[in-house]
């Protein structure tokens, strides 16, 4: 359920082509950031995308690394 929330990420690149494994990596790495910065985002893909977009400069190193390793920016 939460993995589908990471699918759009339009401002971070084209995430719709990500594998399940890549989405899991991003979710695990970014979950603390989402919990801290946007606890109300839940599993709503638009809210998750907006949260990551609006907090891109403050994302943890692990979240940023997971996003980059997946080929997103």
PDB file of N, CA and C in Angstrom:
ATOM      1  N   UNK A   1       0.831  -1.196   0.000  1.00  0.00           N
ATOM      2  CA  UNK A   1       0.000   0.000   0.000  1.00  0.00           C
ATOM      3  C   UNK A   1       0.863   1.242   0.000  1.00  0.00           C
ATOM      4  N   UNK A   2       1.809   1.329   0.920  1.00  0.00           N
ATOM      5  CA  UNK A   2       2.663   2.508   0.987  1.00  0.00           C
ATOM      6  C   UNK A   2       3.604   2.601  -0.198  1.00  0.00           C
ATOM      7  N   UNK A   3       3.928   1.484  -0.793  1.00  0.00           N
ATOM      8  CA  UNK A   3       4.806   1.516  -1.963  1.00  0.00           C
ATOM      9  C   UNK A   3       4.153   2.238  -3.115  1.00  0.00           C
ATOM     10  N   UNK A   4       2.875   2.056  -3.269  1.00  0.00           N
ATOM     11  CA  UNK A   4       2.190   2.747  -4.349  1.00  0.00           C
ATOM     12  C   UNK A   4       2.185   4.251  -4.108  1.00  0.00           C
ATOM     13  N   UNK A   5       2.329   4.656  -2.875  1.00  0.00           N
ATOM     14  CA  UNK A   5       2.369   6.082  -2.570  1.00  0.00           C
ATOM     15  C   UNK A   5       3.623   6.729  -3.127  1.00  0.00           C
ATOM     16  N   UNK A   6       4.674   5.962  -3.300  1.00  0.00           N
ATOM     17  CA  UNK A   6       5.908   6.518  -3.832  1.00  0.00           C
ATOM     18  C   UNK A   6       5.950   6.505  -5.348  1.00  0.00           C
ATOM     19  N   UNK A   7       5.004   5.865  -5.968  1.00  0.00           N
ATOM     20  CA  UNK A   7       5.036   5.701  -7.412  1.00  0.00           C
ATOM     21  C   UNK A   7       5.131   7.006  -8.196  1.00  0.00           C
ATOM     22  N   UNK A   8       4.343   8.039  -7.921  1.00  0.00           N
ATOM     23  CA  UNK A   8       4.382   9.216  -8.769  1.00  0.00           C
ATOM     24  C   UNK A   8       5.675  10.034  -8.688  1.00  0.00           C
ATOM     25  N   UNK A   9       6.004  10.558  -7.556  1.00  0.00           N
ATOM     26  CA  UNK A   9       7.192  11.388  -7.361  1.00  0.00           C
ATOM     27  C   UNK A   9       7.552  12.229  -8.580  1.00  0.00           C
ATOM     28  N   UNK A  10       6.612  12.960  -9.156  1.00  0.00           N
ATOM     29  CA  UNK A  10       6.878  13.644 -10.410  1.00  0.00           C
ATOM     30  C   UNK A  10       8.018  14.642 -10.349  1.00  0.00           C
ATOM     31  N   UNK A  11       8.183  15.332  -9.269  1.00  0.00           N
ATOM     32  CA  UNK A  11       9.240  16.327  -9.183  1.00  0.00           C
ATOM     33  C   UNK A  11      10.602  15.682  -8.980  1.00  0.00           C
ATOM     34  N   UNK A  12      10.622  14.426  -8.597  1.00  0.00           N
ATOM     35  CA  UNK A  12      11.876  13.745  -8.345  1.00  0.00           C
ATOM     36  C   UNK A  12      12.286  12.871  -9.516  1.00  0.00           C
ATOM     37  N   UNK A  13      11.540  12.849 -10.565  1.00  0.00           N
ATOM     38  CA  UNK A  13      11.879  12.053 -11.738  1.00  0.00           C
ATOM     39  C   UNK A  13      10.744  11.146 -12.141  1.00  0.00           C
ATOM     40  N   UNK A  14      11.043  10.215 -12.975  1.00  0.00           N
ATOM     41  CA  UNK A  14      10.038   9.296 -13.493  1.00  0.00           C
ATOM     42  C   UNK A  14      10.036   8.006 -12.683  1.00  0.00           C
ATOM     43  N   UNK A  15       9.303   7.974 -11.604  1.00  0.00           N
ATOM     44  CA  UNK A  15       9.305   6.823 -10.704  1.00  0.00           C
ATOM     45  C   UNK A  15       8.387   5.703 -11.153  1.00  0.00           C
ATOM     46  N   UNK A  16       7.529   5.952 -12.135  1.00  0.00           N
ATOM     47  CA  UNK A  16       6.603   4.898 -12.535  1.00  0.00           C
ATOM     48  C   UNK A  16       7.326   3.698 -13.136  1.00  0.00           C
ATOM     49  N   UNK A  17       8.570   3.876 -13.548  1.00  0.00           N
ATOM     50  CA  UNK A  17       9.347   2.790 -14.121  1.00  0.00           C
ATOM     51  C   UNK A  17      10.189   2.057 -13.087  1.00  0.00           C
ATOM     52  N   UNK A  18      10.017   2.383 -11.823  1.00  0.00           N
ATOM     53  CA  UNK A  18      10.809   1.748 -10.783  1.00  0.00           C
ATOM     54  C   UNK A  18      10.324   0.329 -10.508  1.00  0.00           C
ATOM     55  N   UNK A  19      11.278  -0.517 -10.172  1.00  0.00           N
ATOM     56  CA  UNK A  19      10.929  -1.881  -9.779  1.00  0.00           C
ATOM     57  C   UNK A  19      10.382  -1.869  -8.359  1.00  0.00           C
ATOM     58  N   UNK A  20       9.786  -2.974  -7.977  1.00  0.00           N
ATOM     59  CA  UNK A  20       9.284  -3.126  -6.611  1.00  0.00           C
ATOM     60  C   UNK A  20      10.427  -2.945  -5.613  1.00  0.00           C
ATOM     61  N   UNK A  21      11.567  -3.523  -5.913  1.00  0.00           N
ATOM     62  CA  UNK A  21      12.737  -3.434  -5.039  1.00  0.00           C
ATOM     63  C   UNK A  21      13.198  -1.983  -4.870  1.00  0.00           C
ATOM     64  N   UNK A  22      13.219  -1.226  -5.957  1.00  0.00           N
ATOM     65  CA  UNK A  22      13.610   0.182  -5.879  1.00  0.00           C
ATOM     66  C   UNK A  22      12.610   0.981  -5.046  1.00  0.00           C
ATOM     67  N   UNK A  23      11.334   0.717  -5.227  1.00  0.00           N
ATOM     68  CA  UNK A  23      10.316   1.424  -4.444  1.00  0.00           C
ATOM     69  C   UNK A  23      10.449   1.096  -2.962  1.00  0.00           C
ATOM     70  N   UNK A  24      10.729  -0.175  -2.667  1.00  0.00           N
ATOM     71  CA  UNK A  24      10.920  -0.580  -1.266  1.00  0.00           C
ATOM     72  C   UNK A  24      12.117   0.131  -0.651  1.00  0.00           C
ATOM     73  N   UNK A  25      13.196   0.233  -1.403  1.00  0.00           N
ATOM     74  CA  UNK A  25      14.398   0.906  -0.908  1.00  0.00           C
ATOM     75  C   UNK A  25      14.110   2.370  -0.594  1.00  0.00           C
ATOM     76  N   UNK A  26      13.396   3.027  -1.498  1.00  0.00           N
ATOM     77  CA  UNK A  26      13.053   4.432  -1.273  1.00  0.00           C
ATOM     78  C   UNK A  26      12.125   4.557  -0.080  1.00  0.00           C
ATOM     79  N   UNK A  27      11.131   3.687  -0.011  1.00  0.00           N
ATOM     80  CA  UNK A  27      10.193   3.748   1.108  1.00  0.00           C
ATOM     81  C   UNK A  27      10.914   3.582   2.439  1.00  0.00           C
ATOM     82  N   UNK A  28      11.756   2.556   2.543  1.00  0.00           N
ATOM     83  CA  UNK A  28      12.474   2.309   3.800  1.00  0.00           C
ATOM     84  C   UNK A  28      13.368   3.485   4.171  1.00  0.00           C
ATOM     85  N   UNK A  29      14.054   4.026   3.182  1.00  0.00           N
ATOM     86  CA  UNK A  29      14.983   5.124   3.445  1.00  0.00           C
ATOM     87  C   UNK A  29      14.264   6.430   3.766  1.00  0.00           C
ATOM     88  N   UNK A  30      13.107   6.648   3.167  1.00  0.00           N
ATOM     89  CA  UNK A  30      12.413   7.929   3.312  1.00  0.00           C
ATOM     90  C   UNK A  30      11.301   7.924   4.355  1.00  0.00           C
ATOM     91  N   UNK A  31      10.933   6.775   4.860  1.00  0.00           N
ATOM     92  CA  UNK A  31       9.836   6.679   5.829  1.00  0.00           C
ATOM     93  C   UNK A  31      10.037   7.606   7.025  1.00  0.00           C
ATOM     94  N   UNK A  32      11.232   7.649   7.636  1.00  0.00           N
ATOM     95  CA  UNK A  32      11.403   8.574   8.767  1.00  0.00           C
ATOM     96  C   UNK A  32      11.201  10.043   8.360  1.00  0.00           C
ATOM     97  N   UNK A  33      11.642  10.394   7.159  1.00  0.00           N
ATOM     98  CA  UNK A  33      11.438  11.769   6.678  1.00  0.00           C
ATOM     99  C   UNK A  33       9.957  12.063   6.501  1.00  0.00           C
ATOM    100  N   UNK A  34       9.245  11.123   5.917  1.00  0.00           N
ATOM    101  CA  UNK A  34       7.804  11.304   5.723  1.00  0.00           C
ATOM    102  C   UNK A  34       7.083  11.399   7.059  1.00  0.00           C
ATOM    103  N   UNK A  35       7.457  10.533   8.000  1.00  0.00           N
ATOM    104  CA  UNK A  35       6.830  10.554   9.325  1.00  0.00           C
ATOM    105  C   UNK A  35       7.089  11.877  10.039  1.00  0.00           C
ATOM    106  N   UNK A  36       8.297  12.394   9.924  1.00  0.00           N
ATOM    107  CA  UNK A  36       8.663  13.625  10.630  1.00  0.00           C
ATOM    108  C   UNK A  36       8.128  14.883   9.962  1.00  0.00           C
ATOM    109  N   UNK A  37       8.186  14.925   8.646  1.00  0.00           N
ATOM    110  CA  UNK A  37       7.845  16.150   7.934  1.00  0.00           C
ATOM    111  C   UNK A  37       6.400  16.215   7.449  1.00  0.00           C
ATOM    112  N   UNK A  38       5.798  15.068   7.194  1.00  0.00           N
ATOM    113  CA  UNK A  38       4.436  15.035   6.652  1.00  0.00           C
ATOM    114  C   UNK A  38       3.661  13.854   7.216  1.00  0.00           C
ATOM    115  N   UNK A  39       3.456  13.825   8.511  1.00  0.00           N
ATOM    116  CA  UNK A  39       2.765  12.674   9.096  1.00  0.00           C
ATOM    117  C   UNK A  39       1.352  12.478   8.550  1.00  0.00           C
ATOM    118  N   UNK A  40       0.748  13.523   8.042  1.00  0.00           N
ATOM    119  CA  UNK A  40      -0.609  13.392   7.515  1.00  0.00           C
ATOM    120  C   UNK A  40      -0.632  12.893   6.069  1.00  0.00           C
ATOM    121  N   UNK A  41       0.528  12.728   5.437  1.00  0.00           N
ATOM    122  CA  UNK A  41       0.570  12.269   4.050  1.00  0.00           C
ATOM    123  C   UNK A  41       0.045  10.853   3.912  1.00  0.00           C
ATOM    124  N   UNK A  42       0.278  10.040   4.925  1.00  0.00           N
ATOM    125  CA  UNK A  42      -0.203   8.662   4.888  1.00  0.00           C
ATOM    126  C   UNK A  42       0.260   7.924   3.655  1.00  0.00           C
ATOM    127  N   UNK A  43      -0.675   7.305   2.967  1.00  0.00           N
ATOM    128  CA  UNK A  43      -0.346   6.562   1.755  1.00  0.00           C
ATOM    129  C   UNK A  43      -0.863   7.248   0.505  1.00  0.00           C
ATOM    130  N   UNK A  44      -1.340   8.462   0.647  1.00  0.00           N
ATOM    131  CA  UNK A  44      -1.847   9.206  -0.498  1.00  0.00           C
ATOM    132  C   UNK A  44      -0.673   9.622  -1.389  1.00  0.00           C
ATOM    133  N   UNK A  45      -0.632   9.101  -2.600  1.00  0.00           N
ATOM    134  CA  UNK A  45       0.519   9.329  -3.472  1.00  0.00           C
ATOM    135  C   UNK A  45       0.764  10.802  -3.767  1.00  0.00           C
ATOM    136  N   UNK A  46      -0.290  11.577  -3.942  1.00  0.00           N
ATOM    137  CA  UNK A  46      -0.120  13.004  -4.205  1.00  0.00           C
ATOM    138  C   UNK A  46       0.495  13.709  -3.001  1.00  0.00           C
ATOM    139  N   UNK A  47       0.051  13.348  -1.804  1.00  0.00           N
ATOM    140  CA  UNK A  47       0.602  13.969  -0.589  1.00  0.00           C
ATOM    141  C   UNK A  47       2.046  13.553  -0.356  1.00  0.00           C
ATOM    142  N   UNK A  48       2.350  12.284  -0.593  1.00  0.00           N
ATOM    143  CA  UNK A  48       3.728  11.803  -0.421  1.00  0.00           C
ATOM    144  C   UNK A  48       4.644  12.515  -1.408  1.00  0.00           C
ATOM    145  N   UNK A  49       4.230  12.600  -2.652  1.00  0.00           N
ATOM    146  CA  UNK A  49       5.028  13.297  -3.662  1.00  0.00           C
ATOM    147  C   UNK A  49       5.238  14.754  -3.288  1.00  0.00           C
ATOM    148  N   UNK A  50       4.164  15.411  -2.866  1.00  0.00           N
ATOM    149  CA  UNK A  50       4.257  16.816  -2.472  1.00  0.00           C
ATOM    150  C   UNK A  50       5.196  16.985  -1.280  1.00  0.00           C
ATOM    151  N   UNK A  51       5.111  16.066  -0.326  1.00  0.00           N
ATOM    152  CA  UNK A  51       5.979  16.136   0.845  1.00  0.00           C
ATOM    153  C   UNK A  51       7.443  16.017   0.444  1.00  0.00           C
ATOM    154  N   UNK A  52       7.761  15.007  -0.343  1.00  0.00           N
ATOM    155  CA  UNK A  52       9.146  14.821  -0.764  1.00  0.00           C
ATOM    156  C   UNK A  52       9.632  15.994  -1.604  1.00  0.00           C
ATOM    157  N   UNK A  53       8.756  16.510  -2.455  1.00  0.00           N
ATOM    158  CA  UNK A  53       9.110  17.674  -3.277  1.00  0.00           C
ATOM    159  C   UNK A  53       9.386  18.892  -2.422  1.00  0.00           C
ATOM    160  N   UNK A  54       8.463  19.202  -1.518  1.00  0.00           N
ATOM    161  CA  UNK A  54       8.597  20.428  -0.725  1.00  0.00           C
ATOM    162  C   UNK A  54       9.696  20.343   0.327  1.00  0.00           C
ATOM    163  N   UNK A  55      10.094  19.146   0.665  1.00  0.00           N
ATOM    164  CA  UNK A  55      11.141  18.974   1.667  1.00  0.00           C
ATOM    165  C   UNK A  55      12.435  18.414   1.079  1.00  0.00           C
ATOM    166  N   UNK A  56      12.557  18.471  -0.212  1.00  0.00           N
ATOM    167  CA  UNK A  56      13.689  17.863  -0.893  1.00  0.00           C
ATOM    168  C   UNK A  56      15.035  18.312  -0.311  1.00  0.00           C
ATOM    169  N   UNK A  57      15.166  19.570   0.016  1.00  0.00           N
ATOM    170  CA  UNK A  57      16.432  20.086   0.552  1.00  0.00           C
ATOM    171  C   UNK A  57      16.713  19.592   1.966  1.00  0.00           C
ATOM    172  N   UNK A  58      15.691  19.149   2.683  1.00  0.00           N
ATOM    173  CA  UNK A  58      15.874  18.697   4.058  1.00  0.00           C
ATOM    174  C   UNK A  58      15.813  17.180   4.218  1.00  0.00           C
ATOM    175  N   UNK A  59      15.736  16.437   3.128  1.00  0.00           N
ATOM    176  CA  UNK A  59      15.645  14.983   3.240  1.00  0.00           C
ATOM    177  C   UNK A  59      16.939  14.412   3.799  1.00  0.00           C
ATOM    178  N   UNK A  60      16.802  13.329   4.519  1.00  0.00           N
ATOM    179  CA  UNK A  60      17.974  12.680   5.098  1.00  0.00           C
ATOM    180  C   UNK A  60      18.884  12.166   3.991  1.00  0.00           C
ATOM    181  N   UNK A  61      20.137  11.944   4.367  1.00  0.00           N
ATOM    182  CA  UNK A  61      21.104  11.425   3.404  1.00  0.00           C
ATOM    183  C   UNK A  61      20.664  10.072   2.865  1.00  0.00           C
ATOM    184  N   UNK A  62      20.114   9.221   3.731  1.00  0.00           N
ATOM    185  CA  UNK A  62      19.699   7.894   3.278  1.00  0.00           C
ATOM    186  C   UNK A  62      18.542   7.985   2.279  1.00  0.00           C
ATOM    187  N   UNK A  63      17.623   8.891   2.495  1.00  0.00           N
ATOM    188  CA  UNK A  63      16.506   9.075   1.578  1.00  0.00           C
ATOM    189  C   UNK A  63      17.016   9.610   0.237  1.00  0.00           C
ATOM    190  N   UNK A  64      17.846  10.635   0.290  1.00  0.00           N
ATOM    191  CA  UNK A  64      18.410  11.219  -0.918  1.00  0.00           C
ATOM    192  C   UNK A  64      19.203  10.182  -1.705  1.00  0.00           C
ATOM    193  N   UNK A  65      19.987   9.386  -0.993  1.00  0.00           N
ATOM    194  CA  UNK A  65      20.786   8.355  -1.649  1.00  0.00           C
ATOM    195  C   UNK A  65      19.895   7.325  -2.329  1.00  0.00           C
ATOM    196  N   UNK A  66      18.848   6.887  -1.645  1.00  0.00           N
ATOM    197  CA  UNK A  66      17.936   5.896  -2.227  1.00  0.00           C
ATOM    198  C   UNK A  66      17.259   6.445  -3.482  1.00  0.00           C
ATOM    199  N   UNK A  67      16.866   7.699  -3.444  1.00  0.00           N
ATOM    200  CA  UNK A  67      16.230   8.332  -4.603  1.00  0.00           C
ATOM    201  C   UNK A  67      17.212   8.395  -5.761  1.00  0.00           C
ATOM    202  N   UNK A  68      18.445   8.797  -5.480  1.00  0.00           N
ATOM    203  CA  UNK A  68      19.462   8.887  -6.552  1.00  0.00           C
ATOM    204  C   UNK A  68      19.822   7.513  -7.089  1.00  0.00           C
ATOM    205  N   UNK A  69      19.950   6.524  -6.218  1.00  0.00           N
ATOM    206  CA  UNK A  69      20.301   5.175  -6.666  1.00  0.00           C
ATOM    207  C   UNK A  69      19.206   4.583  -7.557  1.00  0.00           C
ATOM    208  N   UNK A  70      18.004   5.036  -7.373  1.00  0.00           N
ATOM    209  CA  UNK A  70      16.897   4.568  -8.203  1.00  0.00           C
ATOM    210  C   UNK A  70      16.863   5.295  -9.539  1.00  0.00           C
ATOM    211  N   UNK A  71      17.755   6.261  -9.704  1.00  0.00           N
ATOM    212  CA  UNK A  71      17.815   7.004 -10.955  1.00  0.00           C
ATOM    213  C   UNK A  71      16.904   8.218 -10.991  1.00  0.00           C
ATOM    214  N   UNK A  72      16.388   8.609  -9.833  1.00  0.00           N
ATOM    215  CA  UNK A  72      15.542   9.793  -9.732  1.00  0.00           C
ATOM    216  C   UNK A  72      16.392  10.960  -9.259  1.00  0.00           C
ATOM    217  N   UNK A  73      15.865  12.163  -9.401  1.00  0.00           N
ATOM    218  CA  UNK A  73      16.613  13.299  -8.876  1.00  0.00           C
ATOM    219  C   UNK A  73      15.864  13.940  -7.750  1.00  0.00           C
TER     220      UNK A  73
END
